Amino acid sequence: MSEFVQQIKERVLHTFVETLPAKPYCSFDIQKEGVKIWPKTGALKANYIQANAPTSVHWLIFDIDKPNSAFLYETLNLPAPNIISINKVNGHAHYFYNIHEVYTSKNAHSAPQEYLKAIEQAYVKKLGADKGYTGLIAKNPLSEEWLSLYPSEHKYTLGELAEYVELKRSFIAPTRKVREDEGRNIELFDQLRFWAYAEKKNHTSYDSFYSACLGKAKELNAEGYNSASGYLPVSEIKATVKSITKWIWKHYQGAGHTHKNKGVMDLSETQLTPTEKMQAGALYSAEIKRTKTLKKLQRAARSAKLGINLKLNLNQIDIANRSGMSHSTVKRYWQLLLNYIFKGFIRGLSDISAGGTAALGLFIGEIVRLLLDRRPQNMSLEKVDFSGFGCVDHETERV
């Protein structure tokens, strides 16, 4: 082996080892032993090993169950794999393509995962690889059980791999195609809706929008159709227009990238950068949420009853139960809530002072109710101890 080829091998294997999970699945004989989890140092001695971590992909691996499949990629004009591990007995092989890491956890972005899946499916089809192979366990290129080759040390982007295959149509972004071969109604529907998307921004009322779309529909109908000769009756034109305008007016926010929903802050005309606009929007949303939460907690505090010591009988757990919010949320807002309660108490005393005798009577009546609520069951009012309570008339011993 030449020094250059040896250097490529060492660099590729170094990347392979570095990207392995800390405790990969491995096996010496899958049929007889199944798989087990070992630390990386021990797993590297096995014949089969898990190349990718559970939440990310560094290696696209294909199982090609065909004799003499080592150089199949050249025949099919595909890029060179980084590793080819070959069964010495039957010539079947595993292809390893080293790619820029794609995260596959449920919290990761779905678009790269879908792109990766589309590329993987295209390569499986072109190589004639095993469709049922999951890629969990692969031939370990460090094992002497296999003959391993290292054609390339290049780390591929998904875009580079995609250039060599034809992806499924479902992954390619759809274009605005008018279905001319499916009838006059369908053709009118497509032509009118594409026009109506951009037209909506020019109207401030539904009636105006509908009239414009109806005029355009009649114009399109007068031009004829590619699908068949003749024209649609006015009743069918109006039905199509109504269907399109009702949906667009209710659901569509603008025409493509030139007319986006500006939002309540309307930052489109400012000098802020896109990042600063996002930050401003996030702060605005947080403030709205904060205000709503505090109001909900304030309502819960107001529903608490006044205690015998003229203090509100409440605590964080009580407020959480009354508001239906978590204890941690109440804890974060507790100081603001206490300030609100204190201000309300001061305001209440001011109202009593301003209300004169009538307000004072209501206040004393509430205190009497609290005293009655506090006495033991079936205890008469005469047996209640009023000593030390400022609102008791000591001469009559009545409130």
Protein backbone atom coordinates (compact mmCIF):
# COMPACT_ATOMS: atom_id res chain seq x y z
CA MET A 1 0.00 0.00 0.00
CA SER A 2 1.42 3.37 -1.00
CA GLU A 3 2.08 6.03 1.61
CA PHE A 4 -0.63 8.28 0.12
CA VAL A 5 -3.29 5.55 0.29
CA GLN A 6 -2.19 4.70 3.81
CA GLN A 7 -2.61 8.31 4.90
CA ILE A 8 -6.14 8.42 3.48
CA LYS A 9 -6.98 5.20 5.32
CA GLU A 10 -5.69 6.56 8.62
CA ARG A 11 -7.59 9.81 8.31
CA VAL A 12 -10.84 8.09 7.35
CA LEU A 13 -10.57 5.57 10.19
CA HIS A 14 -9.73 8.37 12.62
CA THR A 15 -12.97 10.14 11.60
CA PHE A 16 -14.87 6.86 11.88
CA VAL A 17 -13.66 6.20 15.42
CA GLU A 18 -14.19 9.81 16.53
CA THR A 19 -17.83 9.86 15.40
CA LEU A 20 -18.81 6.52 16.98
CA PRO A 21 -21.19 6.58 19.98
CA ALA A 22 -19.54 6.27 23.39
CA LYS A 23 -21.22 2.90 23.98
CA PRO A 24 -22.25 1.45 20.61
CA TYR A 25 -24.12 -1.74 19.84
CA CYS A 26 -21.72 -4.40 18.60
CA SER A 27 -21.45 -8.11 17.84
CA PHE A 28 -18.97 -10.74 16.71
CA ASP A 29 -21.73 -12.86 15.14
CA ILE A 30 -25.20 -11.33 14.87
CA GLN A 31 -26.93 -14.61 13.98
CA LYS A 32 -25.52 -16.54 16.94
CA GLU A 33 -24.95 -13.88 19.59
CA GLY A 34 -27.26 -11.02 18.74
CA VAL A 35 -26.02 -7.56 19.74
CA LYS A 36 -24.74 -6.09 22.97
CA ILE A 37 -23.71 -2.66 24.24
CA TRP A 38 -20.03 -2.20 24.99
CA PRO A 39 -17.77 0.80 25.59
CA LYS A 40 -16.19 2.07 22.39
CA THR A 41 -12.75 0.57 23.11
CA GLY A 42 -14.18 -2.93 23.38
CA ALA A 43 -16.73 -2.52 20.58
CA LEU A 44 -13.94 -1.61 18.11
CA LYS A 45 -12.70 -5.20 18.32
CA ALA A 46 -16.07 -6.66 17.21
CA ASN A 47 -17.01 -7.61 13.62
CA TYR A 48 -20.15 -5.46 13.61
CA ILE A 49 -20.60 -2.04 15.18
CA GLN A 50 -23.11 0.82 15.48
CA ALA A 51 -21.71 3.71 13.43
CA ASN A 52 -24.25 6.47 14.17
CA ALA A 53 -25.45 7.87 17.48
CA PRO A 54 -29.20 7.63 18.33
CA THR A 55 -29.81 11.36 17.69
CA SER A 56 -27.48 12.18 14.80
CA VAL A 57 -26.10 10.78 11.56
CA HIS A 58 -22.47 11.00 10.45
CA TRP A 59 -22.53 8.04 8.07
CA LEU A 60 -24.92 7.02 5.32
CA ILE A 61 -24.55 3.23 5.10
CA PHE A 62 -25.87 0.93 2.35
CA ASP A 63 -26.03 -2.85 2.47
CA ILE A 64 -25.40 -4.26 -1.03
CA ASP A 65 -26.10 -7.98 -1.19
CA LYS A 66 -24.60 -8.57 -4.60
CA PRO A 67 -21.41 -10.43 -5.56
CA ASN A 68 -18.49 -8.26 -6.57
CA SER A 69 -20.26 -5.09 -5.46
CA ALA A 70 -17.14 -3.25 -4.29
CA PHE A 71 -16.90 -1.01 -7.35
CA LEU A 72 -20.58 -0.85 -8.25
CA TYR A 73 -20.56 2.89 -7.51
CA GLU A 74 -18.23 3.46 -10.48
CA THR A 75 -20.52 1.57 -12.84
CA LEU A 76 -23.51 3.63 -11.68
CA ASN A 77 -21.59 6.93 -11.80
CA LEU A 78 -22.04 7.57 -8.07
CA PRO A 79 -19.56 9.38 -5.80
CA ALA A 80 -16.88 7.26 -4.16
CA PRO A 81 -17.73 5.97 -0.68
CA ASN A 82 -15.36 6.79 2.14
CA ILE A 83 -15.31 3.17 3.29
CA ILE A 84 -16.19 -0.08 1.54
CA SER A 85 -16.23 -3.14 3.82
CA ILE A 86 -16.42 -6.36 1.78
CA ASN A 87 -17.37 -9.86 2.79
CA LYS A 88 -14.37 -11.99 1.72
CA VAL A 89 -16.58 -15.02 1.02
CA ASN A 90 -19.39 -13.70 -1.19
CA GLY A 91 -18.26 -10.20 -2.19
CA HIS A 92 -21.23 -8.45 -0.54
CA ALA A 93 -20.36 -5.01 0.77
CA HIS A 94 -21.30 -2.10 3.00
CA TYR A 95 -20.81 1.40 1.59
CA PHE A 96 -20.09 4.19 4.10
CA TYR A 97 -20.55 7.85 3.07
CA ASN A 98 -19.24 10.36 5.61
CA ILE A 99 -21.63 13.35 5.70
CA HIS A 100 -21.88 16.60 7.62
CA GLU A 101 -23.78 15.73 10.78
CA VAL A 102 -27.58 15.68 10.57
CA TYR A 103 -29.49 15.72 13.86
CA THR A 104 -32.38 13.28 14.03
CA SER A 105 -33.93 13.86 17.46
CA LYS A 106 -37.60 14.86 17.68
CA ASN A 107 -36.58 18.42 18.60
CA ALA A 108 -34.27 18.83 15.58
CA HIS A 109 -35.34 20.59 12.38
CA SER A 110 -37.37 18.25 10.19
CA ALA A 111 -36.25 19.59 6.78
CA PRO A 112 -32.66 18.22 6.92
CA GLN A 113 -34.03 14.88 8.12
CA GLU A 114 -36.48 14.70 5.23
CA TYR A 115 -33.73 15.68 2.79
CA LEU A 116 -31.45 12.98 4.20
CA LYS A 117 -34.22 10.38 3.95
CA ALA A 118 -34.95 11.32 0.34
CA ILE A 119 -31.26 10.98 -0.61
CA GLU A 120 -30.96 7.67 1.23
CA GLN A 121 -33.97 6.24 -0.58
CA ALA A 122 -32.61 7.39 -3.94
CA TYR A 123 -29.24 5.72 -3.32
CA VAL A 124 -30.90 2.50 -2.15
CA LYS A 125 -32.88 2.41 -5.38
CA LYS A 126 -29.91 3.17 -7.65
CA LEU A 127 -27.52 0.76 -5.91
CA GLY A 128 -30.13 -1.94 -5.59
CA ALA A 129 -29.27 -2.03 -1.87
CA ASP A 130 -31.27 -3.81 0.81
CA LYS A 131 -34.44 -1.75 1.42
CA GLY A 132 -34.98 -3.37 4.81
CA TYR A 133 -31.55 -2.45 6.15
CA THR A 134 -31.90 0.05 8.99
CA GLY A 135 -28.24 1.11 9.19
CA LEU A 136 -28.07 0.43 12.94
CA ILE A 137 -25.31 -2.22 12.77
CA ALA A 138 -22.65 -2.23 10.04
CA LYS A 139 -19.53 -4.16 9.17
CA ASN A 140 -16.71 -2.82 11.31
CA PRO A 141 -13.93 -1.65 8.92
CA LEU A 142 -11.38 -2.17 11.72
CA SER A 143 -12.19 -5.89 11.90
CA GLU A 144 -9.98 -8.34 10.00
CA GLU A 145 -13.15 -10.28 9.16
CA TRP A 146 -13.68 -7.93 6.21
CA LEU A 147 -11.64 -6.53 3.37
CA SER A 148 -11.97 -2.75 3.68
CA LEU A 149 -11.15 -0.12 1.07
CA TYR A 150 -10.96 3.67 1.49
CA PRO A 151 -11.58 5.33 -1.89
CA SER A 152 -12.15 8.87 -0.55
CA GLU A 153 -11.63 11.01 2.53
CA HIS A 154 -14.04 13.74 1.38
CA LYS A 155 -16.87 14.63 3.76
CA TYR A 156 -20.01 15.05 1.66
CA THR A 157 -22.76 17.60 1.98
CA LEU A 158 -26.30 16.41 1.33
CA GLY A 159 -26.40 18.65 -1.71
CA GLU A 160 -23.35 16.97 -3.20
CA LEU A 161 -24.85 13.51 -2.78
CA ALA A 162 -28.17 14.69 -4.20
CA GLU A 163 -26.52 15.75 -7.48
CA TYR A 164 -25.96 12.11 -8.48
CA VAL A 165 -29.53 10.84 -8.03
CA GLU A 166 -33.12 11.82 -8.75
CA LEU A 167 -35.05 12.57 -5.59
CA LYS A 168 -38.68 11.68 -5.08
CA ARG A 169 -41.10 14.23 -6.46
CA SER A 170 -42.76 14.64 -3.05
CA PHE A 171 -39.58 16.23 -1.70
CA ILE A 172 -39.13 18.75 -4.52
CA ALA A 173 -40.95 22.02 -3.90
CA PRO A 174 -44.15 22.17 -5.98
CA THR A 175 -44.49 24.85 -8.67
CA ARG A 176 -47.54 26.77 -9.74
CA LYS A 177 -48.74 24.59 -12.55
CA VAL A 178 -52.02 25.14 -14.30
CA ARG A 179 -53.73 21.80 -14.84
CA GLU A 180 -54.72 22.34 -18.45
CA ASP A 181 -55.57 18.73 -19.20
CA GLU A 182 -58.21 18.21 -16.49
CA GLY A 183 -61.09 20.31 -17.83
CA ARG A 184 -62.19 23.91 -18.17
CA ASN A 185 -63.32 24.29 -14.54
CA ILE A 186 -59.98 23.11 -13.15
CA GLU A 187 -58.02 25.30 -15.56
CA LEU A 188 -60.06 28.38 -14.61
CA PHE A 189 -59.70 27.54 -10.92
CA ASP A 190 -55.87 27.39 -11.15
CA GLN A 191 -55.46 30.47 -13.30
CA LEU A 192 -57.78 32.57 -11.15
CA ARG A 193 -56.44 31.54 -7.74
CA PHE A 194 -52.82 32.33 -8.69
CA TRP A 195 -53.94 35.75 -9.87
CA ALA A 196 -56.14 36.30 -6.77
CA TYR A 197 -53.33 35.65 -4.29
CA ALA A 198 -51.47 38.75 -5.50
CA GLU A 199 -54.66 40.75 -6.04
CA LYS A 200 -55.92 40.56 -2.46
CA LYS A 201 -53.54 43.25 -1.17
CA ASN A 202 -55.23 45.81 -3.43
CA HIS A 203 -58.60 45.56 -1.65
CA THR A 204 -59.90 46.59 1.76
CA SER A 205 -63.29 44.84 1.52
CA TYR A 206 -64.46 41.41 0.45
CA ASP A 207 -67.04 42.82 -1.99
CA SER A 208 -64.36 44.76 -3.84
CA PHE A 209 -62.11 41.70 -3.95
CA TYR A 210 -64.95 39.49 -5.21
CA SER A 211 -65.86 41.96 -7.98
CA ALA A 212 -62.27 42.12 -9.19
CA CYS A 213 -61.96 38.32 -9.24
CA LEU A 214 -65.27 37.95 -11.06
CA GLY A 215 -64.13 40.38 -13.73
CA LYS A 216 -60.85 38.50 -14.13
CA ALA A 217 -62.67 35.16 -14.33
CA LYS A 218 -64.92 36.41 -17.13
CA GLU A 219 -61.86 37.69 -18.94
CA LEU A 220 -60.15 34.28 -18.65
CA ASN A 221 -63.32 32.54 -19.80
CA ALA A 222 -63.54 34.75 -22.86
CA GLU A 223 -60.00 33.74 -23.86
CA GLY A 224 -61.00 30.09 -24.09
CA TYR A 225 -59.22 26.99 -22.74
CA ASN A 226 -56.44 24.68 -23.76
CA SER A 227 -58.27 21.63 -22.56
CA ALA A 228 -61.33 21.92 -24.78
CA SER A 229 -63.21 24.36 -26.97
CA GLY A 230 -66.17 26.35 -25.73
CA TYR A 231 -66.77 28.47 -22.65
CA LEU A 232 -68.16 28.04 -19.15
CA PRO A 233 -71.62 29.36 -18.27
CA VAL A 234 -71.79 32.37 -15.94
CA SER A 235 -73.24 30.28 -13.10
CA GLU A 236 -70.17 28.02 -13.03
CA ILE A 237 -67.83 31.00 -13.22
CA LYS A 238 -69.53 32.62 -10.22
CA ALA A 239 -69.36 29.38 -8.22
CA THR A 240 -65.61 29.11 -8.88
CA VAL A 241 -65.03 32.77 -8.00
CA LYS A 242 -67.00 32.46 -4.76
CA SER A 243 -65.04 29.38 -3.71
CA ILE A 244 -61.68 31.04 -4.35
CA THR A 245 -62.41 34.47 -2.88
CA LYS A 246 -63.98 33.18 0.35
CA TRP A 247 -60.96 31.02 1.13
CA ILE A 248 -58.31 33.59 0.17
CA TRP A 249 -60.03 36.45 2.01
CA LYS A 250 -60.25 34.40 5.21
CA HIS A 251 -56.93 32.53 5.20
CA TYR A 252 -54.38 34.17 2.91
CA GLN A 253 -52.24 36.94 4.42
CA GLY A 254 -50.42 38.25 1.39
CA ALA A 255 -48.97 37.68 -2.06
CA GLY A 256 -45.82 35.61 -1.84
CA HIS A 257 -42.77 37.28 -0.28
CA THR A 258 -43.79 40.81 -1.19
CA HIS A 259 -46.79 41.16 1.09
CA LYS A 260 -46.28 39.56 4.48
CA ASN A 261 -48.32 39.97 7.63
CA LYS A 262 -46.59 42.89 9.39
CA GLY A 263 -47.95 41.98 12.81
CA VAL A 264 -49.24 44.30 15.50
CA MET A 265 -45.88 46.02 15.95
CA ASP A 266 -45.50 46.82 12.22
CA LEU A 267 -41.69 46.92 12.19
CA SER A 268 -41.44 46.65 8.41
CA GLU A 269 -40.67 50.34 7.90
CA THR A 270 -38.07 50.63 10.68
CA GLN A 271 -34.29 50.53 10.37
CA LEU A 272 -34.01 47.45 12.58
CA THR A 273 -32.16 44.40 11.30
CA PRO A 274 -34.13 41.14 10.91
CA THR A 275 -32.55 39.84 14.14
CA GLU A 276 -33.51 43.01 16.04
CA LYS A 277 -37.06 42.76 14.70
CA MET A 278 -37.28 39.18 15.95
CA GLN A 279 -35.98 40.23 19.36
CA ALA A 280 -38.45 43.11 19.56
CA GLY A 281 -41.30 40.80 18.62
CA ALA A 282 -40.24 38.26 21.23
CA LEU A 283 -40.09 40.95 23.94
CA TYR A 284 -43.53 42.23 22.93
CA SER A 285 -45.02 38.71 23.08
CA ALA A 286 -43.38 38.08 26.46
CA GLU A 287 -44.82 41.31 27.87
CA ILE A 288 -48.33 40.42 26.66
CA LYS A 289 -48.05 36.99 28.24
CA ARG A 290 -46.70 38.49 31.46
CA THR A 291 -49.58 40.95 31.72
CA LYS A 292 -52.20 38.23 31.15
CA THR A 293 -50.61 35.96 33.75
CA LEU A 294 -50.44 38.72 36.38
CA LYS A 295 -54.08 39.68 35.83
CA LYS A 296 -55.12 36.06 36.29
CA LEU A 297 -53.19 35.85 39.55
CA GLN A 298 -54.66 39.17 40.74
CA ARG A 299 -58.18 37.81 40.16
CA ALA A 300 -57.27 34.77 42.24
CA ALA A 301 -55.96 37.02 45.04
CA ARG A 302 -59.14 39.09 45.03
CA SER A 303 -61.22 35.96 45.55
CA ALA A 304 -59.42 35.14 48.82
CA LYS A 305 -61.38 35.97 51.99
CA LEU A 306 -60.31 38.44 54.64
CA GLY A 307 -59.03 36.64 57.76
CA ILE A 308 -59.79 37.32 61.43
CA ASN A 309 -56.54 39.28 61.70
CA LEU A 310 -57.64 41.52 58.82
CA LYS A 311 -55.05 39.90 56.52
CA LEU A 312 -55.76 37.98 53.37
CA ASN A 313 -55.71 34.23 54.04
CA LEU A 314 -53.55 33.28 51.07
CA ASN A 315 -50.21 31.75 50.22
CA GLN A 316 -48.50 30.67 47.03
CA ILE A 317 -50.15 27.24 46.98
CA ASP A 318 -53.56 28.79 47.59
CA ILE A 319 -53.11 31.26 44.72
CA ALA A 320 -51.88 28.47 42.44
CA ASN A 321 -55.00 26.41 43.21
CA ARG A 322 -57.32 29.37 42.72
CA SER A 323 -55.75 30.50 39.44
CA GLY A 324 -55.09 27.06 37.96
CA MET A 325 -51.45 28.01 37.38
CA SER A 326 -48.31 26.21 38.53
CA HIS A 327 -46.62 26.93 41.84
CA SER A 328 -43.43 27.96 40.04
CA THR A 329 -45.36 30.59 38.06
CA VAL A 330 -46.92 32.02 41.23
CA LYS A 331 -43.49 32.08 42.87
CA ARG A 332 -42.05 34.16 40.01
CA TYR A 333 -44.88 36.71 40.27
CA TRP A 334 -45.21 36.67 44.07
CA GLN A 335 -43.57 40.04 44.79
CA LEU A 336 -45.70 41.77 42.16
CA LEU A 337 -48.76 40.10 43.64
CA LEU A 338 -47.92 41.23 47.16
CA ASN A 339 -47.51 44.80 45.92
CA TYR A 340 -50.93 44.57 44.27
CA ILE A 341 -52.53 43.23 47.48
CA PHE A 342 -50.92 45.98 49.61
CA LYS A 343 -52.12 48.70 47.24
CA GLY A 344 -55.60 47.21 47.30
CA PHE A 345 -55.65 47.20 51.11
CA ILE A 346 -54.60 50.87 51.26
CA ARG A 347 -57.22 51.74 48.65
CA GLY A 348 -59.84 49.86 50.68
CA LEU A 349 -59.06 51.85 53.82
CA SER A 350 -59.33 55.05 51.81
CA ASP A 351 -62.73 53.96 50.49
CA ILE A 352 -63.95 53.27 54.04
CA SER A 353 -62.72 56.67 55.19
CA ALA A 354 -64.38 58.42 52.27
CA GLY A 355 -67.60 56.44 52.61
CA GLY A 356 -68.42 57.66 56.11
CA THR A 357 -70.80 55.85 58.46
CA ALA A 358 -72.30 53.52 55.83
CA ALA A 359 -68.92 52.20 54.73
CA LEU A 360 -67.79 51.79 58.33
CA GLY A 361 -70.95 49.83 59.08
CA LEU A 362 -70.31 47.43 56.24
CA PHE A 363 -66.73 46.98 57.42
CA ILE A 364 -67.79 46.19 60.99
CA GLY A 365 -70.47 43.85 59.70
CA GLU A 366 -67.84 41.87 57.84
CA ILE A 367 -65.77 41.60 61.02
CA VAL A 368 -68.79 40.27 62.93
CA ARG A 369 -69.31 37.65 60.21
CA LEU A 370 -65.70 36.58 60.55
CA LEU A 371 -66.07 36.27 64.32
CA LEU A 372 -69.15 34.12 63.92
CA ASP A 373 -67.40 31.94 61.38
CA ARG A 374 -64.51 31.44 63.81
CA ARG A 375 -66.55 30.37 66.87
CA PRO A 376 -66.94 26.64 67.61
CA GLN A 377 -70.00 24.81 66.31
CA ASN A 378 -73.25 25.72 68.17
CA MET A 379 -71.52 28.35 70.33
CA SER A 380 -73.77 31.34 71.00
CA LEU A 381 -72.64 34.88 70.37
CA GLU A 382 -72.69 35.66 74.12
CA LYS A 383 -69.93 33.11 74.72
CA VAL A 384 -67.55 34.58 72.16
CA ASP A 385 -64.47 36.25 73.69
CA PHE A 386 -64.30 39.78 72.30
CA SER A 387 -61.49 40.93 74.58
CA GLY A 388 -58.66 42.73 72.89
CA PHE A 389 -60.67 43.42 69.73
CA GLY A 390 -60.81 47.12 68.94
CA CYS A 391 -64.35 47.26 67.55
CA VAL A 392 -66.07 45.96 70.78
CA ASP A 393 -68.23 48.32 72.81
CA HIS A 394 -67.14 47.44 76.39
CA GLU A 395 -70.19 49.07 78.01
CA THR A 396 -72.80 47.02 76.18
CA GLU A 397 -70.51 44.12 75.14
CA ARG A 398 -72.21 44.31 71.79
CA VAL A 399 -70.83 45.31 68.46
